[in-house]
Amino acid sequence: MMSKGEAPAPREPEEEEEDTGGVVKLISAEGFEFVVDKKAAMVSNTLRNMLTSPGGFSETRQGEVRFPEISTHVLEKICQYFYWSLHYSSGKETAEFQIEPEMTLELMMAANYLDT
């Protein structure tokens, strides 16, 4: 029982909960860093697993993920997609996500890896 003026003890997150607060740093093959909301990064199932896994991934501890195979211009488009997906996921409104034809193959390969 708490006495008057005492704050409740912080509770541990339950197994089912995900920490979607804060930011995560995504680093391209060329070393460019994109700082995105963790909630946006969680659009990717691969990133979701890396950032929330109890297995002790270094990405979980450091809050950054390196992509040695994904170029800067492709990673930038992926970050744009994360935010686009968050915005339009409710289905109440829709808009087409624009992709330049010359990026299509690289984006498909990255999307396959990121499971988005």
PDB file of N, CA and C in Angstrom:
ATOM      1  N   MET A   1       0.838  -1.168   0.000  1.00  0.00           N
ATOM      2  CA  MET A   1       0.000   0.000   0.000  1.00  0.00           C
ATOM      3  C   MET A   1       0.885   1.234   0.000  1.00  0.00           C
ATOM      4  N   MET A   2       0.471   2.268  -0.773  1.00  0.00           N
ATOM      5  CA  MET A   2       1.265   3.483  -0.871  1.00  0.00           C
ATOM      6  C   MET A   2       0.714   4.526   0.075  1.00  0.00           C
ATOM      7  N   SER A   3       1.634   5.289   0.639  1.00  0.00           N
ATOM      8  CA  SER A   3       1.188   6.407   1.461  1.00  0.00           C
ATOM      9  C   SER A   3       0.982   7.623   0.567  1.00  0.00           C
ATOM     10  N   LYS A   4       0.336   8.614   1.093  1.00  0.00           N
ATOM     11  CA  LYS A   4       0.012   9.816   0.331  1.00  0.00           C
ATOM     12  C   LYS A   4       1.295  10.456  -0.201  1.00  0.00           C
ATOM     13  N   GLY A   5       1.279  10.812  -1.484  1.00  0.00           N
ATOM     14  CA  GLY A   5       2.417  11.487  -2.096  1.00  0.00           C
ATOM     15  C   GLY A   5       3.431  10.541  -2.717  1.00  0.00           C
ATOM     16  N   GLU A   6       3.259   9.236  -2.539  1.00  0.00           N
ATOM     17  CA  GLU A   6       4.173   8.275  -3.132  1.00  0.00           C
ATOM     18  C   GLU A   6       3.760   7.972  -4.561  1.00  0.00           C
ATOM     19  N   ALA A   7       4.741   7.903  -5.435  1.00  0.00           N
ATOM     20  CA  ALA A   7       4.466   7.549  -6.822  1.00  0.00           C
ATOM     21  C   ALA A   7       4.453   6.039  -6.957  1.00  0.00           C
ATOM     22  N   PRO A   8       3.608   5.503  -7.820  1.00  0.00           N
ATOM     23  CA  PRO A   8       3.617   4.058  -8.009  1.00  0.00           C
ATOM     24  C   PRO A   8       4.940   3.608  -8.611  1.00  0.00           C
ATOM     25  N   ALA A   9       5.355   2.413  -8.265  1.00  0.00           N
ATOM     26  CA  ALA A   9       6.601   1.864  -8.798  1.00  0.00           C
ATOM     27  C   ALA A   9       6.442   1.630 -10.289  1.00  0.00           C
ATOM     28  N   PRO A  10       7.496   1.903 -11.072  1.00  0.00           N
ATOM     29  CA  PRO A  10       7.388   1.638 -12.508  1.00  0.00           C
ATOM     30  C   PRO A  10       7.188   0.150 -12.737  1.00  0.00           C
ATOM     31  N   ARG A  11       6.347  -0.168 -13.705  1.00  0.00           N
ATOM     32  CA  ARG A  11       6.100  -1.576 -13.973  1.00  0.00           C
ATOM     33  C   ARG A  11       6.936  -2.031 -15.156  1.00  0.00           C
ATOM     34  N   GLU A  12       7.279  -3.279 -15.127  1.00  0.00           N
ATOM     35  CA  GLU A  12       8.020  -3.868 -16.235  1.00  0.00           C
ATOM     36  C   GLU A  12       7.069  -4.090 -17.398  1.00  0.00           C
ATOM     37  N   PRO A  13       7.529  -3.852 -18.651  1.00  0.00           N
ATOM     38  CA  PRO A  13       6.646  -4.113 -19.782  1.00  0.00           C
ATOM     39  C   PRO A  13       6.309  -5.598 -19.844  1.00  0.00           C
ATOM     40  N   GLU A  14       5.084  -5.882 -20.191  1.00  0.00           N
ATOM     41  CA  GLU A  14       4.670  -7.269 -20.341  1.00  0.00           C
ATOM     42  C   GLU A  14       5.267  -7.845 -21.605  1.00  0.00           C
ATOM     43  N   GLU A  15       5.325  -9.151 -21.669  1.00  0.00           N
ATOM     44  CA  GLU A  15       5.912  -9.850 -22.803  1.00  0.00           C
ATOM     45  C   GLU A  15       5.272  -9.440 -24.123  1.00  0.00           C
ATOM     46  N   GLU A  16       3.969  -9.192 -24.126  1.00  0.00           N
ATOM     47  CA  GLU A  16       3.229  -8.873 -25.344  1.00  0.00           C
ATOM     48  C   GLU A  16       3.450  -7.436 -25.805  1.00  0.00           C
ATOM     49  N   GLU A  17       3.841  -6.540 -24.899  1.00  0.00           N
ATOM     50  CA  GLU A  17       3.991  -5.130 -25.252  1.00  0.00           C
ATOM     51  C   GLU A  17       5.243  -4.911 -26.086  1.00  0.00           C
ATOM     52  N   GLU A  18       5.195  -3.895 -26.941  1.00  0.00           N
ATOM     53  CA  GLU A  18       6.356  -3.504 -27.718  1.00  0.00           C
ATOM     54  C   GLU A  18       6.707  -2.077 -27.367  1.00  0.00           C
ATOM     55  N   ASP A  19       7.992  -1.815 -27.245  1.00  0.00           N
ATOM     56  CA  ASP A  19       8.447  -0.459 -26.988  1.00  0.00           C
ATOM     57  C   ASP A  19       8.564   0.247 -28.331  1.00  0.00           C
ATOM     58  N   THR A  20       7.580   1.068 -28.655  1.00  0.00           N
ATOM     59  CA  THR A  20       7.601   1.758 -29.942  1.00  0.00           C
ATOM     60  C   THR A  20       7.971   3.226 -29.772  1.00  0.00           C
ATOM     61  N   GLY A  21       8.366   3.621 -28.566  1.00  0.00           N
ATOM     62  CA  GLY A  21       8.762   5.002 -28.328  1.00  0.00           C
ATOM     63  C   GLY A  21      10.213   5.227 -28.697  1.00  0.00           C
ATOM     64  N   GLY A  22      10.566   6.471 -28.909  1.00  0.00           N
ATOM     65  CA  GLY A  22      11.951   6.816 -29.207  1.00  0.00           C
ATOM     66  C   GLY A  22      12.262   6.776 -30.688  1.00  0.00           C
ATOM     67  N   VAL A  23      13.540   6.754 -30.963  1.00  0.00           N
ATOM     68  CA  VAL A  23      14.008   6.766 -32.344  1.00  0.00           C
ATOM     69  C   VAL A  23      15.014   5.639 -32.560  1.00  0.00           C
ATOM     70  N   VAL A  24      15.245   5.332 -33.805  1.00  0.00           N
ATOM     71  CA  VAL A  24      16.248   4.349 -34.201  1.00  0.00           C
ATOM     72  C   VAL A  24      17.040   4.935 -35.363  1.00  0.00           C
ATOM     73  N   LYS A  25      18.311   4.615 -35.406  1.00  0.00           N
ATOM     74  CA  LYS A  25      19.188   5.131 -36.455  1.00  0.00           C
ATOM     75  C   LYS A  25      19.431   4.025 -37.475  1.00  0.00           C
ATOM     76  N   LEU A  26      19.105   4.296 -38.736  1.00  0.00           N
ATOM     77  CA  LEU A  26      19.339   3.365 -39.831  1.00  0.00           C
ATOM     78  C   LEU A  26      20.515   3.888 -40.646  1.00  0.00           C
ATOM     79  N   ILE A  27      21.521   3.055 -40.859  1.00  0.00           N
ATOM     80  CA  ILE A  27      22.766   3.499 -41.487  1.00  0.00           C
ATOM     81  C   ILE A  27      22.963   2.768 -42.813  1.00  0.00           C
ATOM     82  N   SER A  28      23.125   3.551 -43.884  1.00  0.00           N
ATOM     83  CA  SER A  28      23.259   2.993 -45.230  1.00  0.00           C
ATOM     84  C   SER A  28      24.668   2.456 -45.468  1.00  0.00           C
ATOM     85  N   ALA A  29      24.844   1.808 -46.618  1.00  0.00           N
ATOM     86  CA  ALA A  29      26.142   1.251 -47.006  1.00  0.00           C
ATOM     87  C   ALA A  29      27.222   2.322 -47.069  1.00  0.00           C
ATOM     88  N   GLU A  30      26.827   3.543 -47.432  1.00  0.00           N
ATOM     89  CA  GLU A  30      27.805   4.638 -47.541  1.00  0.00           C
ATOM     90  C   GLU A  30      28.017   5.364 -46.208  1.00  0.00           C
ATOM     91  N   GLY A  31      27.295   4.960 -45.178  1.00  0.00           N
ATOM     92  CA  GLY A  31      27.473   5.561 -43.861  1.00  0.00           C
ATOM     93  C   GLY A  31      26.510   6.689 -43.531  1.00  0.00           C
ATOM     94  N   PHE A  32      25.557   6.986 -44.412  1.00  0.00           N
ATOM     95  CA  PHE A  32      24.571   8.021 -44.110  1.00  0.00           C
ATOM     96  C   PHE A  32      23.609   7.493 -43.050  1.00  0.00           C
ATOM     97  N   GLU A  33      23.263   8.356 -42.114  1.00  0.00           N
ATOM     98  CA  GLU A  33      22.410   7.965 -41.001  1.00  0.00           C
ATOM     99  C   GLU A  33      21.030   8.603 -41.136  1.00  0.00           C
ATOM    100  N   PHE A  34      20.007   7.777 -41.001  1.00  0.00           N
ATOM    101  CA  PHE A  34      18.624   8.237 -41.016  1.00  0.00           C
ATOM    102  C   PHE A  34      18.052   7.952 -39.637  1.00  0.00           C
ATOM    103  N   VAL A  35      17.631   8.991 -38.943  1.00  0.00           N
ATOM    104  CA  VAL A  35      17.026   8.835 -37.628  1.00  0.00           C
ATOM    105  C   VAL A  35      15.522   8.866 -37.817  1.00  0.00           C
ATOM    106  N   VAL A  36      14.880   7.744 -37.516  1.00  0.00           N
ATOM    107  CA  VAL A  36      13.428   7.622 -37.712  1.00  0.00           C
ATOM    108  C   VAL A  36      12.767   7.222 -36.402  1.00  0.00           C
ATOM    109  N   ASP A  37      11.489   7.532 -36.292  1.00  0.00           N
ATOM    110  CA  ASP A  37      10.732   7.092 -35.131  1.00  0.00           C
ATOM    111  C   ASP A  37      10.736   5.574 -35.090  1.00  0.00           C
ATOM    112  N   LYS A  38      10.883   5.038 -33.896  1.00  0.00           N
ATOM    113  CA  LYS A  38      10.896   3.586 -33.750  1.00  0.00           C
ATOM    114  C   LYS A  38       9.585   2.984 -34.259  1.00  0.00           C
ATOM    115  N   LYS A  39       8.488   3.693 -34.040  1.00  0.00           N
ATOM    116  CA  LYS A  39       7.179   3.222 -34.510  1.00  0.00           C
ATOM    117  C   LYS A  39       7.183   3.069 -36.027  1.00  0.00           C
ATOM    118  N   ALA A  40       7.814   3.996 -36.728  1.00  0.00           N
ATOM    119  CA  ALA A  40       7.897   3.911 -38.188  1.00  0.00           C
ATOM    120  C   ALA A  40       8.779   2.734 -38.606  1.00  0.00           C
ATOM    121  N   ALA A  41       9.893   2.549 -37.931  1.00  0.00           N
ATOM    122  CA  ALA A  41      10.795   1.447 -38.271  1.00  0.00           C
ATOM    123  C   ALA A  41      10.121   0.092 -38.077  1.00  0.00           C
ATOM    124  N   MET A  42       9.165   0.028 -37.151  1.00  0.00           N
ATOM    125  CA  MET A  42       8.473  -1.227 -36.860  1.00  0.00           C
ATOM    126  C   MET A  42       7.544  -1.658 -37.996  1.00  0.00           C
ATOM    127  N   VAL A  43       7.399  -0.831 -39.029  1.00  0.00           N
ATOM    128  CA  VAL A  43       6.661  -1.251 -40.227  1.00  0.00           C
ATOM    129  C   VAL A  43       7.356  -2.480 -40.818  1.00  0.00           C
ATOM    130  N   SER A  44       8.675  -2.525 -40.675  1.00  0.00           N
ATOM    131  CA  SER A  44       9.467  -3.659 -41.142  1.00  0.00           C
ATOM    132  C   SER A  44       9.468  -4.756 -40.088  1.00  0.00           C
ATOM    133  N   ASN A  45       9.026  -5.949 -40.475  1.00  0.00           N
ATOM    134  CA  ASN A  45       9.031  -7.074 -39.535  1.00  0.00           C
ATOM    135  C   ASN A  45      10.450  -7.457 -39.130  1.00  0.00           C
ATOM    136  N   THR A  46      11.408  -7.317 -40.044  1.00  0.00           N
ATOM    137  CA  THR A  46      12.800  -7.617 -39.717  1.00  0.00           C
ATOM    138  C   THR A  46      13.307  -6.657 -38.647  1.00  0.00           C
ATOM    139  N   LEU A  47      13.059  -5.356 -38.836  1.00  0.00           N
ATOM    140  CA  LEU A  47      13.493  -4.373 -37.842  1.00  0.00           C
ATOM    141  C   LEU A  47      12.743  -4.563 -36.530  1.00  0.00           C
ATOM    142  N   ARG A  48      11.468  -4.870 -36.609  1.00  0.00           N
ATOM    143  CA  ARG A  48      10.669  -5.115 -35.402  1.00  0.00           C
ATOM    144  C   ARG A  48      11.314  -6.231 -34.578  1.00  0.00           C
ATOM    145  N   ASN A  49      11.689  -7.323 -35.247  1.00  0.00           N
ATOM    146  CA  ASN A  49      12.317  -8.440 -34.541  1.00  0.00           C
ATOM    147  C   ASN A  49      13.671  -8.057 -33.961  1.00  0.00           C
ATOM    148  N   MET A  50      14.449  -7.306 -34.716  1.00  0.00           N
ATOM    149  CA  MET A  50      15.764  -6.878 -34.226  1.00  0.00           C
ATOM    150  C   MET A  50      15.648  -5.974 -33.005  1.00  0.00           C
ATOM    151  N   LEU A  51      14.686  -5.061 -33.046  1.00  0.00           N
ATOM    152  CA  LEU A  51      14.591  -4.034 -32.009  1.00  0.00           C
ATOM    153  C   LEU A  51      13.820  -4.466 -30.771  1.00  0.00           C
ATOM    154  N   THR A  52      13.051  -5.532 -30.864  1.00  0.00           N
ATOM    155  CA  THR A  52      12.243  -5.940 -29.713  1.00  0.00           C
ATOM    156  C   THR A  52      12.576  -7.331 -29.198  1.00  0.00           C
ATOM    157  N   SER A  53      13.485  -8.008 -29.847  1.00  0.00           N
ATOM    158  CA  SER A  53      13.801  -9.374 -29.461  1.00  0.00           C
ATOM    159  C   SER A  53      14.506  -9.428 -28.107  1.00  0.00           C
ATOM    160  N   PRO A  54      14.089 -10.365 -27.270  1.00  0.00           N
ATOM    161  CA  PRO A  54      14.764 -10.519 -25.982  1.00  0.00           C
ATOM    162  C   PRO A  54      16.119 -11.203 -26.130  1.00  0.00           C
ATOM    163  N   GLY A  55      16.502 -11.578 -27.340  1.00  0.00           N
ATOM    164  CA  GLY A  55      17.741 -12.307 -27.565  1.00  0.00           C
ATOM    165  C   GLY A  55      19.006 -11.486 -27.403  1.00  0.00           C
ATOM    166  N   GLY A  56      18.891 -10.188 -27.183  1.00  0.00           N
ATOM    167  CA  GLY A  56      20.069  -9.363 -26.949  1.00  0.00           C
ATOM    168  C   GLY A  56      20.788  -8.909 -28.200  1.00  0.00           C
ATOM    169  N   PHE A  57      20.051  -8.660 -29.272  1.00  0.00           N
ATOM    170  CA  PHE A  57      20.684  -8.103 -30.474  1.00  0.00           C
ATOM    171  C   PHE A  57      21.369  -6.792 -30.126  1.00  0.00           C
ATOM    172  N   SER A  58      22.515  -6.534 -30.737  1.00  0.00           N
ATOM    173  CA  SER A  58      23.196  -5.257 -30.493  1.00  0.00           C
ATOM    174  C   SER A  58      22.339  -4.097 -30.975  1.00  0.00           C
ATOM    175  N   GLU A  59      21.506  -4.336 -32.000  1.00  0.00           N
ATOM    176  CA  GLU A  59      20.607  -3.293 -32.500  1.00  0.00           C
ATOM    177  C   GLU A  59      19.618  -2.856 -31.421  1.00  0.00           C
ATOM    178  N   THR A  60      19.195  -3.799 -30.601  1.00  0.00           N
ATOM    179  CA  THR A  60      18.264  -3.487 -29.516  1.00  0.00           C
ATOM    180  C   THR A  60      18.932  -2.575 -28.503  1.00  0.00           C
ATOM    181  N   ARG A  61      20.156  -2.893 -28.143  1.00  0.00           N
ATOM    182  CA  ARG A  61      20.878  -2.112 -27.132  1.00  0.00           C
ATOM    183  C   ARG A  61      21.298  -0.735 -27.650  1.00  0.00           C
ATOM    184  N   GLN A  62      21.787  -0.686 -28.879  1.00  0.00           N
ATOM    185  CA  GLN A  62      22.348   0.559 -29.418  1.00  0.00           C
ATOM    186  C   GLN A  62      21.319   1.433 -30.114  1.00  0.00           C
ATOM    187  N   GLY A  63      20.207   0.871 -30.538  1.00  0.00           N
ATOM    188  CA  GLY A  63      19.198   1.642 -31.232  1.00  0.00           C
ATOM    189  C   GLY A  63      19.624   2.069 -32.622  1.00  0.00           C
ATOM    190  N   GLU A  64      20.515   1.282 -33.228  1.00  0.00           N
ATOM    191  CA  GLU A  64      20.925   1.581 -34.599  1.00  0.00           C
ATOM    192  C   GLU A  64      21.116   0.282 -35.372  1.00  0.00           C
ATOM    193  N   VAL A  65      20.828   0.378 -36.676  1.00  0.00           N
ATOM    194  CA  VAL A  65      20.929  -0.790 -37.540  1.00  0.00           C
ATOM    195  C   VAL A  65      21.722  -0.388 -38.773  1.00  0.00           C
ATOM    196  N   ARG A  66      22.745  -1.184 -39.074  1.00  0.00           N
ATOM    197  CA  ARG A  66      23.577  -0.933 -40.262  1.00  0.00           C
ATOM    198  C   ARG A  66      23.111  -1.822 -41.407  1.00  0.00           C
ATOM    199  N   PHE A  67      23.088  -1.230 -42.596  1.00  0.00           N
ATOM    200  CA  PHE A  67      22.702  -1.956 -43.802  1.00  0.00           C
ATOM    201  C   PHE A  67      23.825  -1.855 -44.819  1.00  0.00           C
ATOM    202  N   PRO A  68      24.817  -2.760 -44.741  1.00  0.00           N
ATOM    203  CA  PRO A  68      25.968  -2.677 -45.649  1.00  0.00           C
ATOM    204  C   PRO A  68      25.629  -2.945 -47.106  1.00  0.00           C
ATOM    205  N   GLU A  69      24.449  -3.469 -47.375  1.00  0.00           N
ATOM    206  CA  GLU A  69      24.057  -3.785 -48.750  1.00  0.00           C
ATOM    207  C   GLU A  69      23.015  -2.830 -49.313  1.00  0.00           C
ATOM    208  N   ILE A  70      22.551  -1.863 -48.512  1.00  0.00           N
ATOM    209  CA  ILE A  70      21.503  -0.956 -48.981  1.00  0.00           C
ATOM    210  C   ILE A  70      22.085   0.447 -49.144  1.00  0.00           C
ATOM    211  N   SER A  71      22.012   0.963 -50.369  1.00  0.00           N
ATOM    212  CA  SER A  71      22.574   2.281 -50.668  1.00  0.00           C
ATOM    213  C   SER A  71      21.743   3.398 -50.025  1.00  0.00           C
ATOM    214  N   THR A  72      22.345   4.564 -49.956  1.00  0.00           N
ATOM    215  CA  THR A  72      21.706   5.709 -49.313  1.00  0.00           C
ATOM    216  C   THR A  72      20.387   6.083 -49.972  1.00  0.00           C
ATOM    217  N   HIS A  73      20.359   6.164 -51.308  1.00  0.00           N
ATOM    218  CA  HIS A  73      19.112   6.594 -51.967  1.00  0.00           C
ATOM    219  C   HIS A  73      17.993   5.571 -51.780  1.00  0.00           C
ATOM    220  N   VAL A  74      18.331   4.297 -51.686  1.00  0.00           N
ATOM    221  CA  VAL A  74      17.316   3.266 -51.460  1.00  0.00           C
ATOM    222  C   VAL A  74      16.836   3.315 -50.005  1.00  0.00           C
ATOM    223  N   LEU A  75      17.758   3.466 -49.060  1.00  0.00           N
ATOM    224  CA  LEU A  75      17.369   3.535 -47.651  1.00  0.00           C
ATOM    225  C   LEU A  75      16.517   4.775 -47.381  1.00  0.00           C
ATOM    226  N   GLU A  76      16.808   5.867 -48.053  1.00  0.00           N
ATOM    227  CA  GLU A  76      15.987   7.071 -47.907  1.00  0.00           C
ATOM    228  C   GLU A  76      14.547   6.793 -48.358  1.00  0.00           C
ATOM    229  N   LYS A  77      14.409   6.110 -49.487  1.00  0.00           N
ATOM    230  CA  LYS A  77      13.069   5.787 -49.996  1.00  0.00           C
ATOM    231  C   LYS A  77      12.355   4.821 -49.046  1.00  0.00           C
ATOM    232  N   ILE A  78      13.092   3.906 -48.450  1.00  0.00           N
ATOM    233  CA  ILE A  78      12.516   2.968 -47.487  1.00  0.00           C
ATOM    234  C   ILE A  78      11.993   3.724 -46.266  1.00  0.00           C
ATOM    235  N   CYS A  79      12.759   4.689 -45.782  1.00  0.00           N
ATOM    236  CA  CYS A  79      12.319   5.500 -44.642  1.00  0.00           C
ATOM    237  C   CYS A  79      11.054   6.273 -44.990  1.00  0.00           C
ATOM    238  N   GLN A  80      11.003   6.811 -46.202  1.00  0.00           N
ATOM    239  CA  GLN A  80       9.794   7.496 -46.654  1.00  0.00           C
ATOM    240  C   GLN A  80       8.615   6.536 -46.662  1.00  0.00           C
ATOM    241  N   TYR A  81       8.850   5.298 -47.101  1.00  0.00           N
ATOM    242  CA  TYR A  81       7.778   4.299 -47.132  1.00  0.00           C
ATOM    243  C   TYR A  81       7.275   3.977 -45.727  1.00  0.00           C
ATOM    244  N   PHE A  82       8.187   3.872 -44.764  1.00  0.00           N
ATOM    245  CA  PHE A  82       7.771   3.590 -43.385  1.00  0.00           C
ATOM    246  C   PHE A  82       6.740   4.618 -42.917  1.00  0.00           C
ATOM    247  N   TYR A  83       7.055   5.895 -43.125  1.00  0.00           N
ATOM    248  CA  TYR A  83       6.136   6.956 -42.695  1.00  0.00           C
ATOM    249  C   TYR A  83       4.853   6.960 -43.524  1.00  0.00           C
ATOM    250  N   TRP A  84       4.970   6.712 -44.816  1.00  0.00           N
ATOM    251  CA  TRP A  84       3.787   6.633 -45.677  1.00  0.00           C
ATOM    252  C   TRP A  84       2.873   5.511 -45.201  1.00  0.00           C
ATOM    253  N   SER A  85       3.461   4.366 -44.907  1.00  0.00           N
ATOM    254  CA  SER A  85       2.696   3.210 -44.460  1.00  0.00           C
ATOM    255  C   SER A  85       1.982   3.490 -43.138  1.00  0.00           C
ATOM    256  N   LEU A  86       2.658   4.141 -42.211  1.00  0.00           N
ATOM    257  CA  LEU A  86       2.028   4.502 -40.945  1.00  0.00           C
ATOM    258  C   LEU A  86       0.831   5.420 -41.171  1.00  0.00           C
ATOM    259  N   HIS A  87       1.004   6.398 -42.035  1.00  0.00           N
ATOM    260  CA  HIS A  87      -0.035   7.386 -42.282  1.00  0.00           C
ATOM    261  C   HIS A  87      -1.271   6.767 -42.932  1.00  0.00           C
ATOM    262  N   TYR A  88      -1.055   5.863 -43.880  1.00  0.00           N
ATOM    263  CA  TYR A  88      -2.172   5.320 -44.646  1.00  0.00           C
ATOM    264  C   TYR A  88      -2.614   3.933 -44.197  1.00  0.00           C
ATOM    265  N   SER A  89      -2.082   3.425 -43.094  1.00  0.00           N
ATOM    266  CA  SER A  89      -2.417   2.062 -42.655  1.00  0.00           C
ATOM    267  C   SER A  89      -3.864   1.918 -42.184  1.00  0.00           C
ATOM    268  N   SER A  90      -4.483   3.009 -41.784  1.00  0.00           N
ATOM    269  CA  SER A  90      -5.864   2.922 -41.303  1.00  0.00           C
ATOM    270  C   SER A  90      -6.836   2.578 -42.431  1.00  0.00           C
ATOM    271  N   GLY A  91      -6.476   2.891 -43.656  1.00  0.00           N
ATOM    272  CA  GLY A  91      -7.338   2.593 -44.788  1.00  0.00           C
ATOM    273  C   GLY A  91      -8.424   3.624 -45.024  1.00  0.00           C
ATOM    274  N   LYS A  92      -8.516   4.636 -44.152  1.00  0.00           N
ATOM    275  CA  LYS A  92      -9.547   5.665 -44.304  1.00  0.00           C
ATOM    276  C   LYS A  92      -9.269   6.546 -45.506  1.00  0.00           C
ATOM    277  N   GLU A  93      -8.012   6.758 -45.769  1.00  0.00           N
ATOM    278  CA  GLU A  93      -7.628   7.518 -46.955  1.00  0.00           C
ATOM    279  C   GLU A  93      -6.492   6.772 -47.634  1.00  0.00           C
ATOM    280  N   THR A  94      -6.339   6.986 -48.905  1.00  0.00           N
ATOM    281  CA  THR A  94      -5.292   6.293 -49.645  1.00  0.00           C
ATOM    282  C   THR A  94      -4.544   7.266 -50.538  1.00  0.00           C
ATOM    283  N   ALA A  95      -3.336   6.901 -50.824  1.00  0.00           N
ATOM    284  CA  ALA A  95      -2.510   7.636 -51.765  1.00  0.00           C
ATOM    285  C   ALA A  95      -1.485   6.657 -52.309  1.00  0.00           C
ATOM    286  N   GLU A  96      -1.075   6.880 -53.518  1.00  0.00           N
ATOM    287  CA  GLU A  96      -0.102   5.999 -54.136  1.00  0.00           C
ATOM    288  C   GLU A  96       1.295   6.377 -53.671  1.00  0.00           C
ATOM    289  N   PHE A  97       2.097   5.370 -53.345  1.00  0.00           N
ATOM    290  CA  PHE A  97       3.491   5.613 -52.975  1.00  0.00           C
ATOM    291  C   PHE A  97       4.307   5.629 -54.257  1.00  0.00           C
ATOM    292  N   GLN A  98       4.902   6.763 -54.534  1.00  0.00           N
ATOM    293  CA  GLN A  98       5.627   6.957 -55.789  1.00  0.00           C
ATOM    294  C   GLN A  98       7.016   6.315 -55.733  1.00  0.00           C
ATOM    295  N   ILE A  99       7.317   5.508 -56.751  1.00  0.00           N
ATOM    296  CA  ILE A  99       8.626   4.864 -56.873  1.00  0.00           C
ATOM    297  C   ILE A  99       9.159   5.147 -58.270  1.00  0.00           C
ATOM    298  N   GLU A 100      10.386   5.646 -58.320  1.00  0.00           N
ATOM    299  CA  GLU A 100      11.025   5.895 -59.599  1.00  0.00           C
ATOM    300  C   GLU A 100      11.361   4.543 -60.233  1.00  0.00           C
ATOM    301  N   PRO A 101      11.074   4.371 -61.516  1.00  0.00           N
ATOM    302  CA  PRO A 101      11.296   3.072 -62.169  1.00  0.00           C
ATOM    303  C   PRO A 101      12.722   2.539 -62.034  1.00  0.00           C
ATOM    304  N   GLU A 102      13.707   3.426 -62.036  1.00  0.00           N
ATOM    305  CA  GLU A 102      15.099   2.971 -61.955  1.00  0.00           C
ATOM    306  C   GLU A 102      15.468   2.421 -60.572  1.00  0.00           C
ATOM    307  N   MET A 103      14.628   2.657 -59.577  1.00  0.00           N
ATOM    308  CA  MET A 103      14.883   2.154 -58.221  1.00  0.00           C
ATOM    309  C   MET A 103      14.122   0.861 -57.918  1.00  0.00           C
ATOM    310  N   THR A 104      13.264   0.448 -58.805  1.00  0.00           N
ATOM    311  CA  THR A 104      12.342  -0.644 -58.518  1.00  0.00           C
ATOM    312  C   THR A 104      13.042  -1.923 -58.061  1.00  0.00           C
ATOM    313  N   LEU A 105      14.044  -2.378 -58.782  1.00  0.00           N
ATOM    314  CA  LEU A 105      14.702  -3.637 -58.439  1.00  0.00           C
ATOM    315  C   LEU A 105      15.390  -3.553 -57.083  1.00  0.00           C
ATOM    316  N   GLU A 106      16.148  -2.482 -56.856  1.00  0.00           N
ATOM    317  CA  GLU A 106      16.829  -2.326 -55.566  1.00  0.00           C
ATOM    318  C   GLU A 106      15.832  -2.248 -54.408  1.00  0.00           C
ATOM    319  N   LEU A 107      14.734  -1.531 -54.620  1.00  0.00           N
ATOM    320  CA  LEU A 107      13.716  -1.420 -53.572  1.00  0.00           C
ATOM    321  C   LEU A 107      13.039  -2.760 -53.301  1.00  0.00           C
ATOM    322  N   MET A 108      12.793  -3.529 -54.333  1.00  0.00           N
ATOM    323  CA  MET A 108      12.174  -4.845 -54.137  1.00  0.00           C
ATOM    324  C   MET A 108      13.098  -5.756 -53.341  1.00  0.00           C
ATOM    325  N   MET A 109      14.381  -5.724 -53.624  1.00  0.00           N
ATOM    326  CA  MET A 109      15.336  -6.560 -52.893  1.00  0.00           C
ATOM    327  C   MET A 109      15.411  -6.127 -51.427  1.00  0.00           C
ATOM    328  N   ALA A 110      15.442  -4.819 -51.186  1.00  0.00           N
ATOM    329  CA  ALA A 110      15.496  -4.304 -49.819  1.00  0.00           C
ATOM    330  C   ALA A 110      14.202  -4.618 -49.078  1.00  0.00           C
ATOM    331  N   ALA A 111      13.063  -4.466 -49.747  1.00  0.00           N
ATOM    332  CA  ALA A 111      11.765  -4.742 -49.119  1.00  0.00           C
ATOM    333  C   ALA A 111      11.662  -6.226 -48.759  1.00  0.00           C
ATOM    334  N   ASN A 112      12.198  -7.081 -49.594  1.00  0.00           N
ATOM    335  CA  ASN A 112      12.198  -8.510 -49.298  1.00  0.00           C
ATOM    336  C   ASN A 112      13.028  -8.796 -48.041  1.00  0.00           C
ATOM    337  N   TYR A 113      14.206  -8.197 -47.941  1.00  0.00           N
ATOM    338  CA  TYR A 113      15.054  -8.391 -46.770  1.00  0.00           C
ATOM    339  C   TYR A 113      14.389  -7.831 -45.505  1.00  0.00           C
ATOM    340  N   LEU A 114      13.785  -6.656 -45.637  1.00  0.00           N
ATOM    341  CA  LEU A 114      13.181  -5.992 -44.478  1.00  0.00           C
ATOM    342  C   LEU A 114      11.798  -6.531 -44.155  1.00  0.00           C
ATOM    343  N   ASP A 115      11.259  -7.384 -45.002  1.00  0.00           N
ATOM    344  CA  ASP A 115       9.945  -7.973 -44.779  1.00  0.00           C
ATOM    345  C   ASP A 115       8.894  -6.897 -44.555  1.00  0.00           C
ATOM    346  N   THR A 116       8.780  -5.985 -45.531  1.00  0.00           N
ATOM    347  CA  THR A 116       7.804  -4.894 -45.431  1.00  0.00           C
ATOM    348  C   THR A 116       6.699  -5.064 -46.446  1.00  0.00           C
TER     349      THR A 116
END
